[in-house]
Amino acid sequence: MPDPARGRPVWSWWYLLFVVQWIAVLWPAFYNSIEPRFIGIPFFYWYQLLWVIIGAILTVVVYFATDHLFTARDDDIAGRR
């Protein structure tokens, strides 16, 4: 996302947490099996469902960890600093 005040993208190392999620879900070799089962559900299905929950948690973590970048930028643009 470009930063209009500085003319360059806003970047944070926190965004790499999304890469972890992306690799864990999009590489089927990690979860291409039936066992172990969890309450009768094959591993293939509950692994993906678990990553939906983990992904939501990671999104919240990244949001709160990087919110200060955008708040400071918005304050600079509005002239509140």
PDB file of N, CA and C in Angstrom:
ATOM      1  N   MET A   1       0.854  -1.171   0.000  1.00  0.00           N
ATOM      2  CA  MET A   1       0.000   0.000   0.000  1.00  0.00           C
ATOM      3  C   MET A   1       0.896   1.229   0.000  1.00  0.00           C
ATOM      4  N   PRO A   2       0.718   2.119  -0.969  1.00  0.00           N
ATOM      5  CA  PRO A   2       1.580   3.302  -1.029  1.00  0.00           C
ATOM      6  C   PRO A   2       1.293   4.287   0.098  1.00  0.00           C
ATOM      7  N   ASP A   3       2.321   4.922   0.535  1.00  0.00           N
ATOM      8  CA  ASP A   3       2.207   5.951   1.565  1.00  0.00           C
ATOM      9  C   ASP A   3       2.209   7.307   0.863  1.00  0.00           C
ATOM     10  N   PRO A   4       1.034   7.997   0.799  1.00  0.00           N
ATOM     11  CA  PRO A   4       0.993   9.252   0.063  1.00  0.00           C
ATOM     12  C   PRO A   4       1.873  10.337   0.665  1.00  0.00           C
ATOM     13  N   ALA A   5       2.101  10.298   1.965  1.00  0.00           N
ATOM     14  CA  ALA A   5       2.913  11.340   2.603  1.00  0.00           C
ATOM     15  C   ALA A   5       4.387  11.189   2.241  1.00  0.00           C
ATOM     16  N   ARG A   6       4.836   9.949   2.055  1.00  0.00           N
ATOM     17  CA  ARG A   6       6.255   9.717   1.777  1.00  0.00           C
ATOM     18  C   ARG A   6       6.505   9.235   0.352  1.00  0.00           C
ATOM     19  N   GLY A   7       5.449   8.863  -0.346  1.00  0.00           N
ATOM     20  CA  GLY A   7       5.590   8.403  -1.716  1.00  0.00           C
ATOM     21  C   GLY A   7       6.192   7.021  -1.849  1.00  0.00           C
ATOM     22  N   ARG A   8       6.112   6.201  -0.827  1.00  0.00           N
ATOM     23  CA  ARG A   8       6.652   4.844  -0.892  1.00  0.00           C
ATOM     24  C   ARG A   8       5.713   3.898  -0.153  1.00  0.00           C
ATOM     25  N   PRO A   9       5.797   2.615  -0.435  1.00  0.00           N
ATOM     26  CA  PRO A   9       4.907   1.665   0.228  1.00  0.00           C
ATOM     27  C   PRO A   9       5.205   1.554   1.727  1.00  0.00           C
ATOM     28  N   VAL A  10       4.166   1.281   2.487  1.00  0.00           N
ATOM     29  CA  VAL A  10       4.329   1.024   3.916  1.00  0.00           C
ATOM     30  C   VAL A  10       4.623  -0.459   4.076  1.00  0.00           C
ATOM     31  N   TRP A  11       5.698  -0.779   4.771  1.00  0.00           N
ATOM     32  CA  TRP A  11       6.106  -2.173   4.932  1.00  0.00           C
ATOM     33  C   TRP A  11       6.402  -2.452   6.396  1.00  0.00           C
ATOM     34  N   SER A  12       6.110  -3.681   6.812  1.00  0.00           N
ATOM     35  CA  SER A  12       6.445  -4.129   8.149  1.00  0.00           C
ATOM     36  C   SER A  12       6.772  -5.615   8.086  1.00  0.00           C
ATOM     37  N   TRP A  13       7.683  -6.036   8.927  1.00  0.00           N
ATOM     38  CA  TRP A  13       8.028  -7.460   8.987  1.00  0.00           C
ATOM     39  C   TRP A  13       6.875  -8.309   9.482  1.00  0.00           C
ATOM     40  N   TRP A  14       5.914  -7.696  10.121  1.00  0.00           N
ATOM     41  CA  TRP A  14       4.733  -8.432  10.595  1.00  0.00           C
ATOM     42  C   TRP A  14       3.986  -9.091   9.448  1.00  0.00           C
ATOM     43  N   TYR A  15       4.059  -8.532   8.264  1.00  0.00           N
ATOM     44  CA  TYR A  15       3.339  -9.071   7.114  1.00  0.00           C
ATOM     45  C   TYR A  15       3.833 -10.467   6.722  1.00  0.00           C
ATOM     46  N   LEU A  16       5.013 -10.839   7.156  1.00  0.00           N
ATOM     47  CA  LEU A  16       5.532 -12.174   6.845  1.00  0.00           C
ATOM     48  C   LEU A  16       4.724 -13.278   7.528  1.00  0.00           C
ATOM     49  N   LEU A  17       3.959 -12.936   8.552  1.00  0.00           N
ATOM     50  CA  LEU A  17       3.095 -13.939   9.171  1.00  0.00           C
ATOM     51  C   LEU A  17       2.051 -14.447   8.176  1.00  0.00           C
ATOM     52  N   PHE A  18       1.664 -13.615   7.234  1.00  0.00           N
ATOM     53  CA  PHE A  18       0.723 -14.061   6.206  1.00  0.00           C
ATOM     54  C   PHE A  18       1.364 -15.083   5.277  1.00  0.00           C
ATOM     55  N   VAL A  19       2.659 -14.995   5.057  1.00  0.00           N
ATOM     56  CA  VAL A  19       3.356 -15.962   4.214  1.00  0.00           C
ATOM     57  C   VAL A  19       3.355 -17.333   4.887  1.00  0.00           C
ATOM     58  N   VAL A  20       3.527 -17.365   6.194  1.00  0.00           N
ATOM     59  CA  VAL A  20       3.485 -18.633   6.936  1.00  0.00           C
ATOM     60  C   VAL A  20       2.141 -19.311   6.719  1.00  0.00           C
ATOM     61  N   GLN A  21       1.066 -18.560   6.846  1.00  0.00           N
ATOM     62  CA  GLN A  21      -0.264 -19.110   6.642  1.00  0.00           C
ATOM     63  C   GLN A  21      -0.437 -19.585   5.197  1.00  0.00           C
ATOM     64  N   TRP A  22       0.020 -18.803   4.261  1.00  0.00           N
ATOM     65  CA  TRP A  22      -0.126 -19.129   2.854  1.00  0.00           C
ATOM     66  C   TRP A  22       0.582 -20.443   2.519  1.00  0.00           C
ATOM     67  N   ILE A  23       1.800 -20.621   3.010  1.00  0.00           N
ATOM     68  CA  ILE A  23       2.560 -21.849   2.755  1.00  0.00           C
ATOM     69  C   ILE A  23       1.899 -23.047   3.429  1.00  0.00           C
ATOM     70  N   ALA A  24       1.449 -22.863   4.654  1.00  0.00           N
ATOM     71  CA  ALA A  24       0.856 -23.975   5.402  1.00  0.00           C
ATOM     72  C   ALA A  24      -0.418 -24.504   4.757  1.00  0.00           C
ATOM     73  N   VAL A  25      -1.167 -23.646   4.108  1.00  0.00           N
ATOM     74  CA  VAL A  25      -2.441 -24.070   3.518  1.00  0.00           C
ATOM     75  C   VAL A  25      -2.292 -24.451   2.050  1.00  0.00           C
ATOM     76  N   LEU A  26      -1.432 -23.780   1.323  1.00  0.00           N
ATOM     77  CA  LEU A  26      -1.340 -24.024  -0.112  1.00  0.00           C
ATOM     78  C   LEU A  26      -0.302 -25.065  -0.515  1.00  0.00           C
ATOM     79  N   TRP A  27       0.289 -25.736   0.433  1.00  0.00           N
ATOM     80  CA  TRP A  27       1.223 -26.808   0.126  1.00  0.00           C
ATOM     81  C   TRP A  27       0.613 -28.119   0.639  1.00  0.00           C
ATOM     82  N   PRO A  28      -0.124 -28.832  -0.215  1.00  0.00           N
ATOM     83  CA  PRO A  28      -0.875 -30.009   0.237  1.00  0.00           C
ATOM     84  C   PRO A  28      -0.017 -31.133   0.818  1.00  0.00           C
ATOM     85  N   ALA A  29       1.261 -31.161   0.520  1.00  0.00           N
ATOM     86  CA  ALA A  29       2.115 -32.213   1.073  1.00  0.00           C
ATOM     87  C   ALA A  29       2.139 -32.171   2.596  1.00  0.00           C
ATOM     88  N   PHE A  30       1.860 -31.007   3.188  1.00  0.00           N
ATOM     89  CA  PHE A  30       1.832 -30.897   4.650  1.00  0.00           C
ATOM     90  C   PHE A  30       0.646 -31.637   5.258  1.00  0.00           C
ATOM     91  N   TYR A  31      -0.467 -31.702   4.547  1.00  0.00           N
ATOM     92  CA  TYR A  31      -1.689 -32.219   5.174  1.00  0.00           C
ATOM     93  C   TYR A  31      -2.430 -33.237   4.322  1.00  0.00           C
ATOM     94  N   ASN A  32      -1.761 -33.857   3.380  1.00  0.00           N
ATOM     95  CA  ASN A  32      -2.395 -34.821   2.503  1.00  0.00           C
ATOM     96  C   ASN A  32      -2.414 -36.209   3.150  1.00  0.00           C
ATOM     97  N   SER A  33      -3.232 -36.355   4.184  1.00  0.00           N
ATOM     98  CA  SER A  33      -3.387 -37.655   4.840  1.00  0.00           C
ATOM     99  C   SER A  33      -4.721 -37.708   5.573  1.00  0.00           C
ATOM    100  N   ILE A  34      -5.120 -38.898   5.922  1.00  0.00           N
ATOM    101  CA  ILE A  34      -6.387 -39.077   6.642  1.00  0.00           C
ATOM    102  C   ILE A  34      -6.140 -39.098   8.148  1.00  0.00           C
ATOM    103  N   GLU A  35      -5.056 -39.714   8.556  1.00  0.00           N
ATOM    104  CA  GLU A  35      -4.742 -39.821   9.983  1.00  0.00           C
ATOM    105  C   GLU A  35      -3.807 -38.698  10.392  1.00  0.00           C
ATOM    106  N   PRO A  36      -3.841 -38.186  11.566  1.00  0.00           N
ATOM    107  CA  PRO A  36      -4.704 -38.544  12.697  1.00  0.00           C
ATOM    108  C   PRO A  36      -6.087 -37.911  12.567  1.00  0.00           C
ATOM    109  N   ARG A  37      -7.057 -38.609  13.073  1.00  0.00           N
ATOM    110  CA  ARG A  37      -8.422 -38.093  13.073  1.00  0.00           C
ATOM    111  C   ARG A  37      -8.670 -37.307  14.350  1.00  0.00           C
ATOM    112  N   PHE A  38      -9.526 -36.312  14.244  1.00  0.00           N
ATOM    113  CA  PHE A  38      -9.917 -35.507  15.397  1.00  0.00           C
ATOM    114  C   PHE A  38     -11.436 -35.531  15.454  1.00  0.00           C
ATOM    115  N   ILE A  39     -11.969 -36.110  16.494  1.00  0.00           N
ATOM    116  CA  ILE A  39     -13.404 -36.367  16.691  1.00  0.00           C
ATOM    117  C   ILE A  39     -14.062 -36.917  15.422  1.00  0.00           C
ATOM    118  N   GLY A  40     -13.378 -37.856  14.772  1.00  0.00           N
ATOM    119  CA  GLY A  40     -13.889 -38.522  13.588  1.00  0.00           C
ATOM    120  C   GLY A  40     -13.660 -37.794  12.274  1.00  0.00           C
ATOM    121  N   ILE A  41     -13.068 -36.612  12.320  1.00  0.00           N
ATOM    122  CA  ILE A  41     -12.832 -35.832  11.106  1.00  0.00           C
ATOM    123  C   ILE A  41     -11.402 -36.121  10.620  1.00  0.00           C
ATOM    124  N   PRO A  42     -11.240 -36.479   9.346  1.00  0.00           N
ATOM    125  CA  PRO A  42      -9.894 -36.744   8.823  1.00  0.00           C
ATOM    126  C   PRO A  42      -8.987 -35.514   8.930  1.00  0.00           C
ATOM    127  N   PHE A  43      -7.700 -35.769   9.063  1.00  0.00           N
ATOM    128  CA  PHE A  43      -6.696 -34.727   9.233  1.00  0.00           C
ATOM    129  C   PHE A  43      -6.774 -33.675   8.132  1.00  0.00           C
ATOM    130  N   PHE A  44      -6.995 -34.112   6.891  1.00  0.00           N
ATOM    131  CA  PHE A  44      -7.053 -33.201   5.758  1.00  0.00           C
ATOM    132  C   PHE A  44      -8.040 -32.069   5.999  1.00  0.00           C
ATOM    133  N   TYR A  45      -9.203 -32.379   6.578  1.00  0.00           N
ATOM    134  CA  TYR A  45     -10.242 -31.371   6.790  1.00  0.00           C
ATOM    135  C   TYR A  45     -10.003 -30.523   8.038  1.00  0.00           C
ATOM    136  N   TRP A  46      -9.660 -31.175   9.155  1.00  0.00           N
ATOM    137  CA  TRP A  46      -9.516 -30.359  10.368  1.00  0.00           C
ATOM    138  C   TRP A  46      -8.257 -29.506  10.339  1.00  0.00           C
ATOM    139  N   TYR A  47      -7.242 -29.912   9.580  1.00  0.00           N
ATOM    140  CA  TYR A  47      -6.048 -29.078   9.414  1.00  0.00           C
ATOM    141  C   TYR A  47      -6.413 -27.770   8.712  1.00  0.00           C
ATOM    142  N   GLN A  48      -7.202 -27.854   7.635  1.00  0.00           N
ATOM    143  CA  GLN A  48      -7.607 -26.650   6.922  1.00  0.00           C
ATOM    144  C   GLN A  48      -8.505 -25.765   7.782  1.00  0.00           C
ATOM    145  N   LEU A  49      -9.416 -26.377   8.509  1.00  0.00           N
ATOM    146  CA  LEU A  49     -10.288 -25.607   9.390  1.00  0.00           C
ATOM    147  C   LEU A  49      -9.485 -24.927  10.497  1.00  0.00           C
ATOM    148  N   LEU A  50      -8.512 -25.623  11.032  1.00  0.00           N
ATOM    149  CA  LEU A  50      -7.647 -25.030  12.055  1.00  0.00           C
ATOM    150  C   LEU A  50      -6.918 -23.804  11.504  1.00  0.00           C
ATOM    151  N   TRP A  51      -6.482 -23.859  10.254  1.00  0.00           N
ATOM    152  CA  TRP A  51      -5.791 -22.716   9.666  1.00  0.00           C
ATOM    153  C   TRP A  51      -6.715 -21.545   9.380  1.00  0.00           C
ATOM    154  N   VAL A  52      -8.003 -21.799   9.229  1.00  0.00           N
ATOM    155  CA  VAL A  52      -8.951 -20.680   9.122  1.00  0.00           C
ATOM    156  C   VAL A  52      -8.949 -19.892  10.432  1.00  0.00           C
ATOM    157  N   ILE A  53      -8.980 -20.608  11.542  1.00  0.00           N
ATOM    158  CA  ILE A  53      -8.965 -19.969  12.873  1.00  0.00           C
ATOM    159  C   ILE A  53      -7.613 -19.294  13.117  1.00  0.00           C
ATOM    160  N   ILE A  54      -6.519 -20.007  12.823  1.00  0.00           N
ATOM    161  CA  ILE A  54      -5.180 -19.432  12.998  1.00  0.00           C
ATOM    162  C   ILE A  54      -5.014 -18.208  12.105  1.00  0.00           C
ATOM    163  N   GLY A  55      -5.522 -18.270  10.887  1.00  0.00           N
ATOM    164  CA  GLY A  55      -5.435 -17.140   9.972  1.00  0.00           C
ATOM    165  C   GLY A  55      -6.154 -15.909  10.502  1.00  0.00           C
ATOM    166  N   ALA A  56      -7.310 -16.125  11.115  1.00  0.00           N
ATOM    167  CA  ALA A  56      -8.034 -14.989  11.708  1.00  0.00           C
ATOM    168  C   ALA A  56      -7.228 -14.388  12.856  1.00  0.00           C
ATOM    169  N   ILE A  57      -6.633 -15.230  13.674  1.00  0.00           N
ATOM    170  CA  ILE A  57      -5.815 -14.750  14.797  1.00  0.00           C
ATOM    171  C   ILE A  57      -4.582 -13.996  14.275  1.00  0.00           C
ATOM    172  N   LEU A  58      -3.926 -14.541  13.251  1.00  0.00           N
ATOM    173  CA  LEU A  58      -2.758 -13.860  12.677  1.00  0.00           C
ATOM    174  C   LEU A  58      -3.139 -12.515  12.068  1.00  0.00           C
ATOM    175  N   THR A  59      -4.308 -12.448  11.448  1.00  0.00           N
ATOM    176  CA  THR A  59      -4.762 -11.191  10.873  1.00  0.00           C
ATOM    177  C   THR A  59      -4.962 -10.137  11.947  1.00  0.00           C
ATOM    178  N   VAL A  60      -5.539 -10.534  13.076  1.00  0.00           N
ATOM    179  CA  VAL A  60      -5.728  -9.601  14.192  1.00  0.00           C
ATOM    180  C   VAL A  60      -4.377  -9.149  14.743  1.00  0.00           C
ATOM    181  N   VAL A  61      -3.449 -10.078  14.892  1.00  0.00           N
ATOM    182  CA  VAL A  61      -2.120  -9.738  15.406  1.00  0.00           C
ATOM    183  C   VAL A  61      -1.425  -8.738  14.474  1.00  0.00           C
ATOM    184  N   VAL A  62      -1.448  -9.014  13.175  1.00  0.00           N
ATOM    185  CA  VAL A  62      -0.802  -8.111  12.217  1.00  0.00           C
ATOM    186  C   VAL A  62      -1.509  -6.755  12.207  1.00  0.00           C
ATOM    187  N   TYR A  63      -2.819  -6.755  12.288  1.00  0.00           N
ATOM    188  CA  TYR A  63      -3.552  -5.490  12.288  1.00  0.00           C
ATOM    189  C   TYR A  63      -3.129  -4.610  13.465  1.00  0.00           C
ATOM    190  N   PHE A  64      -3.141  -5.184  14.672  1.00  0.00           N
ATOM    191  CA  PHE A  64      -2.785  -4.380  15.840  1.00  0.00           C
ATOM    192  C   PHE A  64      -1.298  -4.040  15.884  1.00  0.00           C
ATOM    193  N   ALA A  65      -0.464  -4.903  15.335  1.00  0.00           N
ATOM    194  CA  ALA A  65       0.975  -4.630  15.334  1.00  0.00           C
ATOM    195  C   ALA A  65       1.347  -3.538  14.337  1.00  0.00           C
ATOM    196  N   THR A  66       0.564  -3.382  13.261  1.00  0.00           N
ATOM    197  CA  THR A  66       0.903  -2.396  12.239  1.00  0.00           C
ATOM    198  C   THR A  66      -0.040  -1.200  12.226  1.00  0.00           C
ATOM    199  N   ASP A  67      -1.001  -1.160  13.087  1.00  0.00           N
ATOM    200  CA  ASP A  67      -1.968  -0.057  13.108  1.00  0.00           C
ATOM    201  C   ASP A  67      -1.286   1.280  13.352  1.00  0.00           C
ATOM    202  N   HIS A  68      -0.229   1.301  14.153  1.00  0.00           N
ATOM    203  CA  HIS A  68       0.465   2.561  14.440  1.00  0.00           C
ATOM    204  C   HIS A  68       1.086   3.167  13.186  1.00  0.00           C
ATOM    205  N   LEU A  69       1.455   2.336  12.206  1.00  0.00           N
ATOM    206  CA  LEU A  69       2.021   2.862  10.959  1.00  0.00           C
ATOM    207  C   LEU A  69       1.001   3.713  10.218  1.00  0.00           C
ATOM    208  N   PHE A  70      -0.219   3.243  10.181  1.00  0.00           N
ATOM    209  CA  PHE A  70      -1.248   3.953   9.437  1.00  0.00           C
ATOM    210  C   PHE A  70      -1.829   5.106  10.247  1.00  0.00           C
ATOM    211  N   THR A  71      -1.896   4.965  11.566  1.00  0.00           N
ATOM    212  CA  THR A  71      -2.395   6.049  12.401  1.00  0.00           C
ATOM    213  C   THR A  71      -1.452   7.240  12.340  1.00  0.00           C
ATOM    214  N   ALA A  72      -0.160   6.993  12.418  1.00  0.00           N
ATOM    215  CA  ALA A  72       0.818   8.079  12.337  1.00  0.00           C
ATOM    216  C   ALA A  72       0.760   8.739  10.971  1.00  0.00           C
ATOM    217  N   ARG A  73       0.621   7.954   9.922  1.00  0.00           N
ATOM    218  CA  ARG A  73       0.541   8.505   8.579  1.00  0.00           C
ATOM    219  C   ARG A  73      -0.709   9.362   8.414  1.00  0.00           C
ATOM    220  N   ASP A  74      -1.845   8.879   8.909  1.00  0.00           N
ATOM    221  CA  ASP A  74      -3.093   9.634   8.807  1.00  0.00           C
ATOM    222  C   ASP A  74      -3.018  10.944   9.577  1.00  0.00           C
ATOM    223  N   ASP A  75      -2.356  10.907  10.744  1.00  0.00           N
ATOM    224  CA  ASP A  75      -2.190  12.147  11.520  1.00  0.00           C
ATOM    225  C   ASP A  75      -1.309  13.144  10.782  1.00  0.00           C
ATOM    226  N   ASP A  76      -0.251  12.646  10.127  1.00  0.00           N
ATOM    227  CA  ASP A  76       0.626  13.547   9.373  1.00  0.00           C
ATOM    228  C   ASP A  76      -0.127  14.177   8.200  1.00  0.00           C
ATOM    229  N   ILE A  77      -0.934  13.403   7.511  1.00  0.00           N
ATOM    230  CA  ILE A  77      -1.682  13.914   6.366  1.00  0.00           C
ATOM    231  C   ILE A  77      -2.697  14.947   6.811  1.00  0.00           C
ATOM    232  N   ALA A  78      -3.354  14.693   7.940  1.00  0.00           N
ATOM    233  CA  ALA A  78      -4.388  15.611   8.441  1.00  0.00           C
ATOM    234  C   ALA A  78      -3.781  16.831   9.131  1.00  0.00           C
ATOM    235  N   GLY A  79      -2.473  16.842   9.349  1.00  0.00           N
ATOM    236  CA  GLY A  79      -1.812  17.963   9.988  1.00  0.00           C
ATOM    237  C   GLY A  79      -2.022  18.033  11.485  1.00  0.00           C
ATOM    238  N   ARG A  80      -2.267  16.886  12.104  1.00  0.00           N
ATOM    239  CA  ARG A  80      -2.509  16.846  13.552  1.00  0.00           C
ATOM    240  C   ARG A  80      -1.253  16.665  14.359  1.00  0.00           C
ATOM    241  N   ARG A  81      -0.110  16.573  13.743  1.00  0.00           N
ATOM    242  CA  ARG A  81       1.128  16.368  14.514  1.00  0.00           C
ATOM    243  C   ARG A  81       1.904  17.616  14.633  1.00  0.00           C
TER     244      ARG A  81
END
